[in-house]
Amino acid sequence: MESSSEYLLKYIGRRFKIHRRLRGFSRESAARSLNISKRTLASYERGEREISLDKTIEMAELYRTTFKNLVDYYNVLEELPVDRITAGAER
């Protein structure tokens, strides 16, 4: 079973990819603007790698959105089944 933190990383990663595409950035051009490798950006978008708060803010600025809109945290919690939230709290 996937932990709640793994679920959140994947969900937020999908949000990164959606916003990048909405703004017309290729993965390569976005990575270059964020001063990271294309591979690193891909791992963020797949939810395989944690991202720093500073880099998330840079990404929000690049994609011309707010931090809150980029990560959409409150909607993530609404979508999580209760057992996933409590299972993650036990770790």
PDB file of N, CA and C in Angstrom:
ATOM      1  N   MET A   1       0.838  -1.188   0.000  1.00  0.00           N
ATOM      2  CA  MET A   1       0.000   0.000   0.000  1.00  0.00           C
ATOM      3  C   MET A   1       0.880   1.247   0.000  1.00  0.00           C
ATOM      4  N   GLU A   2       0.521   2.193  -0.800  1.00  0.00           N
ATOM      5  CA  GLU A   2       1.260   3.444  -0.915  1.00  0.00           C
ATOM      6  C   GLU A   2       1.026   4.309   0.324  1.00  0.00           C
ATOM      7  N   SER A   3       2.089   4.895   0.867  1.00  0.00           N
ATOM      8  CA  SER A   3       1.936   5.771   2.032  1.00  0.00           C
ATOM      9  C   SER A   3       1.319   7.101   1.599  1.00  0.00           C
ATOM     10  N   SER A   4       0.803   7.841   2.566  1.00  0.00           N
ATOM     11  CA  SER A   4       0.192   9.129   2.239  1.00  0.00           C
ATOM     12  C   SER A   4       1.220  10.112   1.683  1.00  0.00           C
ATOM     13  N   SER A   5       2.461  10.055   2.169  1.00  0.00           N
ATOM     14  CA  SER A   5       3.478  10.974   1.637  1.00  0.00           C
ATOM     15  C   SER A   5       3.837  10.610   0.196  1.00  0.00           C
ATOM     16  N   GLU A   6       3.878   9.332  -0.126  1.00  0.00           N
ATOM     17  CA  GLU A   6       4.135   8.912  -1.513  1.00  0.00           C
ATOM     18  C   GLU A   6       2.992   9.354  -2.418  1.00  0.00           C
ATOM     19  N   TYR A   7       1.785   9.205  -1.925  1.00  0.00           N
ATOM     20  CA  TYR A   7       0.604   9.627  -2.687  1.00  0.00           C
ATOM     21  C   TYR A   7       0.657  11.130  -2.949  1.00  0.00           C
ATOM     22  N   LEU A   8       0.994  11.908  -1.926  1.00  0.00           N
ATOM     23  CA  LEU A   8       1.076  13.361  -2.083  1.00  0.00           C
ATOM     24  C   LEU A   8       2.154  13.757  -3.091  1.00  0.00           C
ATOM     25  N   LEU A   9       3.318  13.118  -3.020  1.00  0.00           N
ATOM     26  CA  LEU A   9       4.393  13.417  -3.969  1.00  0.00           C
ATOM     27  C   LEU A   9       3.944  13.163  -5.401  1.00  0.00           C
ATOM     28  N   LYS A  10       3.265  12.053  -5.627  1.00  0.00           N
ATOM     29  CA  LYS A  10       2.799  11.734  -6.983  1.00  0.00           C
ATOM     30  C   LYS A  10       1.732  12.711  -7.443  1.00  0.00           C
ATOM     31  N   TYR A  11       0.814  13.040  -6.555  1.00  0.00           N
ATOM     32  CA  TYR A  11      -0.251  13.972  -6.901  1.00  0.00           C
ATOM     33  C   TYR A  11       0.324  15.350  -7.244  1.00  0.00           C
ATOM     34  N   ILE A  12       1.188  15.833  -6.390  1.00  0.00           N
ATOM     35  CA  ILE A  12       1.777  17.159  -6.617  1.00  0.00           C
ATOM     36  C   ILE A  12       2.659  17.135  -7.859  1.00  0.00           C
ATOM     37  N   GLY A  13       3.358  16.042  -8.087  1.00  0.00           N
ATOM     38  CA  GLY A  13       4.153  15.902  -9.304  1.00  0.00           C
ATOM     39  C   GLY A  13       3.306  16.035 -10.558  1.00  0.00           C
ATOM     40  N   ARG A  14       2.120  15.436 -10.523  1.00  0.00           N
ATOM     41  CA  ARG A  14       1.206  15.582 -11.676  1.00  0.00           C
ATOM     42  C   ARG A  14       0.795  17.038 -11.854  1.00  0.00           C
ATOM     43  N   ARG A  15       0.607  17.743 -10.737  1.00  0.00           N
ATOM     44  CA  ARG A  15       0.262  19.172 -10.815  1.00  0.00           C
ATOM     45  C   ARG A  15       1.397  19.959 -11.477  1.00  0.00           C
ATOM     46  N   PHE A  16       2.641  19.622 -11.133  1.00  0.00           N
ATOM     47  CA  PHE A  16       3.786  20.291 -11.762  1.00  0.00           C
ATOM     48  C   PHE A  16       3.735  20.114 -13.273  1.00  0.00           C
ATOM     49  N   LYS A  17       3.503  18.892 -13.710  1.00  0.00           N
ATOM     50  CA  LYS A  17       3.483  18.581 -15.139  1.00  0.00           C
ATOM     51  C   LYS A  17       2.331  19.305 -15.850  1.00  0.00           C
ATOM     52  N   ILE A  18       1.165  19.323 -15.226  1.00  0.00           N
ATOM     53  CA  ILE A  18       0.010  20.005 -15.811  1.00  0.00           C
ATOM     54  C   ILE A  18       0.307  21.482 -16.007  1.00  0.00           C
ATOM     55  N   HIS A  19       0.837  22.124 -14.969  1.00  0.00           N
ATOM     56  CA  HIS A  19       1.126  23.564 -15.072  1.00  0.00           C
ATOM     57  C   HIS A  19       2.222  23.839 -16.097  1.00  0.00           C
ATOM     58  N   ARG A  20       3.220  22.991 -16.167  1.00  0.00           N
ATOM     59  CA  ARG A  20       4.285  23.171 -17.165  1.00  0.00           C
ATOM     60  C   ARG A  20       3.694  23.126 -18.568  1.00  0.00           C
ATOM     61  N   ARG A  21       2.859  22.150 -18.815  1.00  0.00           N
ATOM     62  CA  ARG A  21       2.247  22.013 -20.142  1.00  0.00           C
ATOM     63  C   ARG A  21       1.279  23.157 -20.440  1.00  0.00           C
ATOM     64  N   LEU A  22       0.516  23.583 -19.426  1.00  0.00           N
ATOM     65  CA  LEU A  22      -0.415  24.696 -19.626  1.00  0.00           C
ATOM     66  C   LEU A  22       0.308  25.971 -20.055  1.00  0.00           C
ATOM     67  N   ARG A  23       1.513  26.153 -19.553  1.00  0.00           N
ATOM     68  CA  ARG A  23       2.298  27.345 -19.887  1.00  0.00           C
ATOM     69  C   ARG A  23       3.169  27.142 -21.115  1.00  0.00           C
ATOM     70  N   GLY A  24       3.090  25.971 -21.739  1.00  0.00           N
ATOM     71  CA  GLY A  24       3.783  25.739 -23.000  1.00  0.00           C
ATOM     72  C   GLY A  24       5.274  25.452 -22.879  1.00  0.00           C
ATOM     73  N   PHE A  25       5.707  25.026 -21.718  1.00  0.00           N
ATOM     74  CA  PHE A  25       7.119  24.704 -21.532  1.00  0.00           C
ATOM     75  C   PHE A  25       7.368  23.244 -21.876  1.00  0.00           C
ATOM     76  N   SER A  26       8.444  22.989 -22.584  1.00  0.00           N
ATOM     77  CA  SER A  26       8.914  21.606 -22.707  1.00  0.00           C
ATOM     78  C   SER A  26       9.608  21.273 -21.393  1.00  0.00           C
ATOM     79  N   ARG A  27       9.837  19.998 -21.163  1.00  0.00           N
ATOM     80  CA  ARG A  27      10.554  19.620 -19.943  1.00  0.00           C
ATOM     81  C   ARG A  27      11.959  20.219 -19.974  1.00  0.00           C
ATOM     82  N   GLU A  28      12.567  20.211 -21.149  1.00  0.00           N
ATOM     83  CA  GLU A  28      13.925  20.737 -21.281  1.00  0.00           C
ATOM     84  C   GLU A  28      13.990  22.237 -20.987  1.00  0.00           C
ATOM     85  N   SER A  29      13.062  23.005 -21.552  1.00  0.00           N
ATOM     86  CA  SER A  29      13.111  24.456 -21.336  1.00  0.00           C
ATOM     87  C   SER A  29      12.785  24.826 -19.889  1.00  0.00           C
ATOM     88  N   ALA A  30      11.851  24.113 -19.279  1.00  0.00           N
ATOM     89  CA  ALA A  30      11.522  24.378 -17.876  1.00  0.00           C
ATOM     90  C   ALA A  30      12.707  24.032 -16.974  1.00  0.00           C
ATOM     91  N   ALA A  31      13.333  22.891 -17.230  1.00  0.00           N
ATOM     92  CA  ALA A  31      14.489  22.483 -16.421  1.00  0.00           C
ATOM     93  C   ALA A  31      15.612  23.503 -16.541  1.00  0.00           C
ATOM     94  N   ARG A  32      15.857  23.973 -17.740  1.00  0.00           N
ATOM     95  CA  ARG A  32      16.912  24.975 -17.957  1.00  0.00           C
ATOM     96  C   ARG A  32      16.590  26.252 -17.168  1.00  0.00           C
ATOM     97  N   SER A  33      15.333  26.700 -17.222  1.00  0.00           N
ATOM     98  CA  SER A  33      14.932  27.912 -16.497  1.00  0.00           C
ATOM     99  C   SER A  33      15.016  27.737 -14.982  1.00  0.00           C
ATOM    100  N   LEU A  34      14.805  26.520 -14.511  1.00  0.00           N
ATOM    101  CA  LEU A  34      14.865  26.231 -13.075  1.00  0.00           C
ATOM    102  C   LEU A  34      16.266  25.859 -12.612  1.00  0.00           C
ATOM    103  N   ASN A  35      17.198  25.802 -13.569  1.00  0.00           N
ATOM    104  CA  ASN A  35      18.591  25.455 -13.288  1.00  0.00           C
ATOM    105  C   ASN A  35      18.722  24.064 -12.654  1.00  0.00           C
ATOM    106  N   ILE A  36      17.972  23.117 -13.237  1.00  0.00           N
ATOM    107  CA  ILE A  36      18.046  21.720 -12.823  1.00  0.00           C
ATOM    108  C   ILE A  36      18.125  20.875 -14.095  1.00  0.00           C
ATOM    109  N   SER A  37      18.448  19.610 -13.935  1.00  0.00           N
ATOM    110  CA  SER A  37      18.500  18.735 -15.105  1.00  0.00           C
ATOM    111  C   SER A  37      17.090  18.309 -15.513  1.00  0.00           C
ATOM    112  N   LYS A  38      16.970  17.916 -16.756  1.00  0.00           N
ATOM    113  CA  LYS A  38      15.700  17.408 -17.268  1.00  0.00           C
ATOM    114  C   LYS A  38      15.287  16.160 -16.480  1.00  0.00           C
ATOM    115  N   ARG A  39      16.262  15.353 -16.134  1.00  0.00           N
ATOM    116  CA  ARG A  39      16.004  14.131 -15.357  1.00  0.00           C
ATOM    117  C   ARG A  39      15.442  14.474 -13.976  1.00  0.00           C
ATOM    118  N   THR A  40      15.985  15.506 -13.336  1.00  0.00           N
ATOM    119  CA  THR A  40      15.490  15.916 -12.020  1.00  0.00           C
ATOM    120  C   THR A  40      14.048  16.401 -12.120  1.00  0.00           C
ATOM    121  N   LEU A  41      13.761  17.224 -13.123  1.00  0.00           N
ATOM    122  CA  LEU A  41      12.392  17.702 -13.300  1.00  0.00           C
ATOM    123  C   LEU A  41      11.442  16.532 -13.540  1.00  0.00           C
ATOM    124  N   ALA A  42      11.858  15.579 -14.349  1.00  0.00           N
ATOM    125  CA  ALA A  42      11.021  14.404 -14.609  1.00  0.00           C
ATOM    126  C   ALA A  42      10.745  13.637 -13.320  1.00  0.00           C
ATOM    127  N   SER A  43      11.755  13.523 -12.457  1.00  0.00           N
ATOM    128  CA  SER A  43      11.549  12.789 -11.199  1.00  0.00           C
ATOM    129  C   SER A  43      10.616  13.558 -10.256  1.00  0.00           C
ATOM    130  N   TYR A  44      10.651  14.896 -10.291  1.00  0.00           N
ATOM    131  CA  TYR A  44       9.678  15.686  -9.527  1.00  0.00           C
ATOM    132  C   TYR A  44       8.273  15.426 -10.057  1.00  0.00           C
ATOM    133  N   GLU A  45       8.127  15.452 -11.376  1.00  0.00           N
ATOM    134  CA  GLU A  45       6.819  15.296 -11.994  1.00  0.00           C
ATOM    135  C   GLU A  45       6.241  13.893 -11.799  1.00  0.00           C
ATOM    136  N   ARG A  46       7.075  12.919 -11.633  1.00  0.00           N
ATOM    137  CA  ARG A  46       6.605  11.545 -11.376  1.00  0.00           C
ATOM    138  C   ARG A  46       6.417  11.285  -9.876  1.00  0.00           C
ATOM    139  N   GLY A  47       6.797  12.241  -9.054  1.00  0.00           N
ATOM    140  CA  GLY A  47       6.666  12.079  -7.610  1.00  0.00           C
ATOM    141  C   GLY A  47       7.677  11.122  -7.027  1.00  0.00           C
ATOM    142  N   GLU A  48       8.804  10.979  -7.700  1.00  0.00           N
ATOM    143  CA  GLU A  48       9.851  10.067  -7.244  1.00  0.00           C
ATOM    144  C   GLU A  48      10.918  10.758  -6.406  1.00  0.00           C
ATOM    145  N   ARG A  49      10.877  12.070  -6.382  1.00  0.00           N
ATOM    146  CA  ARG A  49      11.899  12.837  -5.680  1.00  0.00           C
ATOM    147  C   ARG A  49      11.249  14.011  -4.974  1.00  0.00           C
ATOM    148  N   GLU A  50      11.647  14.238  -3.740  1.00  0.00           N
ATOM    149  CA  GLU A  50      11.125  15.387  -3.006  1.00  0.00           C
ATOM    150  C   GLU A  50      11.745  16.659  -3.559  1.00  0.00           C
ATOM    151  N   ILE A  51      10.975  17.735  -3.493  1.00  0.00           N
ATOM    152  CA  ILE A  51      11.428  19.021  -4.013  1.00  0.00           C
ATOM    153  C   ILE A  51      11.470  20.022  -2.864  1.00  0.00           C
ATOM    154  N   SER A  52      12.446  20.909  -2.899  1.00  0.00           N
ATOM    155  CA  SER A  52      12.556  21.912  -1.837  1.00  0.00           C
ATOM    156  C   SER A  52      11.464  22.964  -1.983  1.00  0.00           C
ATOM    157  N   LEU A  53      11.183  23.614  -0.896  1.00  0.00           N
ATOM    158  CA  LEU A  53      10.205  24.698  -0.898  1.00  0.00           C
ATOM    159  C   LEU A  53      10.664  25.807  -1.845  1.00  0.00           C
ATOM    160  N   ASP A  54      11.943  26.159  -1.794  1.00  0.00           N
ATOM    161  CA  ASP A  54      12.471  27.213  -2.656  1.00  0.00           C
ATOM    162  C   ASP A  54      12.293  26.879  -4.135  1.00  0.00           C
ATOM    163  N   LYS A  55      12.577  25.633  -4.496  1.00  0.00           N
ATOM    164  CA  LYS A  55      12.457  25.230  -5.901  1.00  0.00           C
ATOM    165  C   LYS A  55      10.987  25.204  -6.326  1.00  0.00           C
ATOM    166  N   THR A  56      10.091  24.837  -5.412  1.00  0.00           N
ATOM    167  CA  THR A  56       8.661  24.838  -5.725  1.00  0.00           C
ATOM    168  C   THR A  56       8.179  26.266  -5.969  1.00  0.00           C
ATOM    169  N   ILE A  57       8.667  27.199  -5.182  1.00  0.00           N
ATOM    170  CA  ILE A  57       8.300  28.611  -5.373  1.00  0.00           C
ATOM    171  C   ILE A  57       8.836  29.116  -6.711  1.00  0.00           C
ATOM    172  N   GLU A  58      10.070  28.748  -7.046  1.00  0.00           N
ATOM    173  CA  GLU A  58      10.631  29.113  -8.356  1.00  0.00           C
ATOM    174  C   GLU A  58       9.759  28.564  -9.482  1.00  0.00           C
ATOM    175  N   MET A  59       9.320  27.334  -9.314  1.00  0.00           N
ATOM    176  CA  MET A  59       8.486  26.704 -10.330  1.00  0.00           C
ATOM    177  C   MET A  59       7.153  27.446 -10.476  1.00  0.00           C
ATOM    178  N   ALA A  60       6.551  27.818  -9.361  1.00  0.00           N
ATOM    179  CA  ALA A  60       5.295  28.572  -9.399  1.00  0.00           C
ATOM    180  C   ALA A  60       5.495  29.900 -10.130  1.00  0.00           C
ATOM    181  N   GLU A  61       6.594  30.575  -9.857  1.00  0.00           N
ATOM    182  CA  GLU A  61       6.878  31.845 -10.537  1.00  0.00           C
ATOM    183  C   GLU A  61       7.086  31.631 -12.028  1.00  0.00           C
ATOM    184  N   LEU A  62       7.828  30.597 -12.387  1.00  0.00           N
ATOM    185  CA  LEU A  62       8.073  30.298 -13.794  1.00  0.00           C
ATOM    186  C   LEU A  62       6.767  30.014 -14.526  1.00  0.00           C
ATOM    187  N   TYR A  63       5.880  29.257 -13.899  1.00  0.00           N
ATOM    188  CA  TYR A  63       4.619  28.882 -14.533  1.00  0.00           C
ATOM    189  C   TYR A  63       3.521  29.935 -14.330  1.00  0.00           C
ATOM    190  N   ARG A  64       3.921  31.075 -13.739  1.00  0.00           N
ATOM    191  CA  ARG A  64       3.010  32.207 -13.522  1.00  0.00           C
ATOM    192  C   ARG A  64       1.728  31.793 -12.793  1.00  0.00           C
ATOM    193  N   THR A  65       1.946  31.144 -11.658  1.00  0.00           N
ATOM    194  CA  THR A  65       0.835  30.749 -10.808  1.00  0.00           C
ATOM    195  C   THR A  65       1.260  30.941  -9.358  1.00  0.00           C
ATOM    196  N   THR A  66       0.378  30.670  -8.454  1.00  0.00           N
ATOM    197  CA  THR A  66       0.723  30.772  -7.037  1.00  0.00           C
ATOM    198  C   THR A  66       1.222  29.423  -6.531  1.00  0.00           C
ATOM    199  N   PHE A  67       1.947  29.473  -5.449  1.00  0.00           N
ATOM    200  CA  PHE A  67       2.407  28.240  -4.810  1.00  0.00           C
ATOM    201  C   PHE A  67       1.204  27.357  -4.477  1.00  0.00           C
ATOM    202  N   LYS A  68       0.193  27.964  -3.870  1.00  0.00           N
ATOM    203  CA  LYS A  68      -1.000  27.211  -3.471  1.00  0.00           C
ATOM    204  C   LYS A  68      -1.662  26.549  -4.673  1.00  0.00           C
ATOM    205  N   ASN A  69      -1.787  27.273  -5.757  1.00  0.00           N
ATOM    206  CA  ASN A  69      -2.411  26.707  -6.945  1.00  0.00           C
ATOM    207  C   ASN A  69      -1.551  25.597  -7.547  1.00  0.00           C
ATOM    208  N   LEU A  70      -0.249  25.756  -7.467  1.00  0.00           N
ATOM    209  CA  LEU A  70       0.645  24.743  -8.028  1.00  0.00           C
ATOM    210  C   LEU A  70       0.542  23.418  -7.283  1.00  0.00           C
ATOM    211  N   VAL A  71       0.546  23.468  -5.970  1.00  0.00           N
ATOM    212  CA  VAL A  71       0.507  22.212  -5.219  1.00  0.00           C
ATOM    213  C   VAL A  71      -0.906  21.762  -4.877  1.00  0.00           C
ATOM    214  N   ASP A  72      -1.867  22.700  -4.845  1.00  0.00           N
ATOM    215  CA  ASP A  72      -3.280  22.371  -4.646  1.00  0.00           C
ATOM    216  C   ASP A  72      -3.475  21.443  -3.451  1.00  0.00           C
ATOM    217  N   TYR A  73      -2.812  21.754  -2.364  1.00  0.00           N
ATOM    218  CA  TYR A  73      -2.731  20.880  -1.199  1.00  0.00           C
ATOM    219  C   TYR A  73      -4.087  20.501  -0.611  1.00  0.00           C
ATOM    220  N   TYR A  74      -4.994  21.449  -0.464  1.00  0.00           N
ATOM    221  CA  TYR A  74      -6.262  21.154   0.198  1.00  0.00           C
ATOM    222  C   TYR A  74      -7.105  20.167  -0.592  1.00  0.00           C
ATOM    223  N   ASN A  75      -7.065  20.254  -1.903  1.00  0.00           N
ATOM    224  CA  ASN A  75      -7.797  19.282  -2.707  1.00  0.00           C
ATOM    225  C   ASN A  75      -7.169  17.898  -2.593  1.00  0.00           C
ATOM    226  N   VAL A  76      -5.882  17.829  -2.384  1.00  0.00           N
ATOM    227  CA  VAL A  76      -5.218  16.538  -2.191  1.00  0.00           C
ATOM    228  C   VAL A  76      -5.801  15.856  -0.960  1.00  0.00           C
ATOM    229  N   LEU A  77      -5.918  16.577   0.137  1.00  0.00           N
ATOM    230  CA  LEU A  77      -6.431  15.982   1.363  1.00  0.00           C
ATOM    231  C   LEU A  77      -7.874  15.514   1.202  1.00  0.00           C
ATOM    232  N   GLU A  78      -8.674  16.244   0.449  1.00  0.00           N
ATOM    233  CA  GLU A  78     -10.054  15.842   0.222  1.00  0.00           C
ATOM    234  C   GLU A  78     -10.123  14.543  -0.575  1.00  0.00           C
ATOM    235  N   GLU A  79      -9.150  14.303  -1.439  1.00  0.00           N
ATOM    236  CA  GLU A  79      -9.165  13.115  -2.268  1.00  0.00           C
ATOM    237  C   GLU A  79      -8.588  11.890  -1.568  1.00  0.00           C
ATOM    238  N   LEU A  80      -7.842  12.077  -0.490  1.00  0.00           N
ATOM    239  CA  LEU A  80      -7.226  10.943   0.197  1.00  0.00           C
ATOM    240  C   LEU A  80      -8.254  10.178   1.020  1.00  0.00           C
ATOM    241  N   PRO A  81      -8.311   8.874   0.857  1.00  0.00           N
ATOM    242  CA  PRO A  81      -9.179   8.089   1.745  1.00  0.00           C
ATOM    243  C   PRO A  81      -8.660   8.173   3.180  1.00  0.00           C
ATOM    244  N   VAL A  82      -9.543   8.107   4.140  1.00  0.00           N
ATOM    245  CA  VAL A  82      -9.180   8.251   5.546  1.00  0.00           C
ATOM    246  C   VAL A  82      -8.113   7.235   5.947  1.00  0.00           C
ATOM    247  N   ASP A  83      -8.187   6.008   5.455  1.00  0.00           N
ATOM    248  CA  ASP A  83      -7.206   5.001   5.852  1.00  0.00           C
ATOM    249  C   ASP A  83      -5.806   5.363   5.377  1.00  0.00           C
ATOM    250  N   ARG A  84      -5.670   6.077   4.269  1.00  0.00           N
ATOM    251  CA  ARG A  84      -4.349   6.505   3.807  1.00  0.00           C
ATOM    252  C   ARG A  84      -3.786   7.586   4.707  1.00  0.00           C
ATOM    253  N   ILE A  85      -4.637   8.471   5.169  1.00  0.00           N
ATOM    254  CA  ILE A  85      -4.176   9.555   6.050  1.00  0.00           C
ATOM    255  C   ILE A  85      -3.704   8.961   7.371  1.00  0.00           C
ATOM    256  N   THR A  86      -4.487   8.065   7.950  1.00  0.00           N
ATOM    257  CA  THR A  86      -4.113   7.494   9.240  1.00  0.00           C
ATOM    258  C   THR A  86      -2.936   6.547   9.117  1.00  0.00           C
ATOM    259  N   ALA A  87      -2.825   5.821   8.019  1.00  0.00           N
ATOM    260  CA  ALA A  87      -1.685   4.912   7.818  1.00  0.00           C
ATOM    261  C   ALA A  87      -0.383   5.695   7.739  1.00  0.00           C
ATOM    262  N   GLY A  88      -0.420   6.849   7.081  1.00  0.00           N
ATOM    263  CA  GLY A  88       0.770   7.683   6.965  1.00  0.00           C
ATOM    264  C   GLY A  88       1.185   8.289   8.286  1.00  0.00           C
ATOM    265  N   ALA A  89       0.231   8.541   9.160  1.00  0.00           N
ATOM    266  CA  ALA A  89       0.522   9.147  10.452  1.00  0.00           C
ATOM    267  C   ALA A  89       1.237   8.181  11.384  1.00  0.00           C
ATOM    268  N   GLU A  90       1.081   6.901  11.131  1.00  0.00           N
ATOM    269  CA  GLU A  90       1.686   5.908  11.996  1.00  0.00           C
ATOM    270  C   GLU A  90       3.173   5.740  11.725  1.00  0.00           C
ATOM    271  N   ARG A  91       3.669   6.212  10.615  1.00  0.00           N
ATOM    272  CA  ARG A  91       5.067   6.007  10.232  1.00  0.00           C
ATOM    273  C   ARG A  91       5.983   7.003  10.843  1.00  0.00           C
TER     274      ARG A  91
END
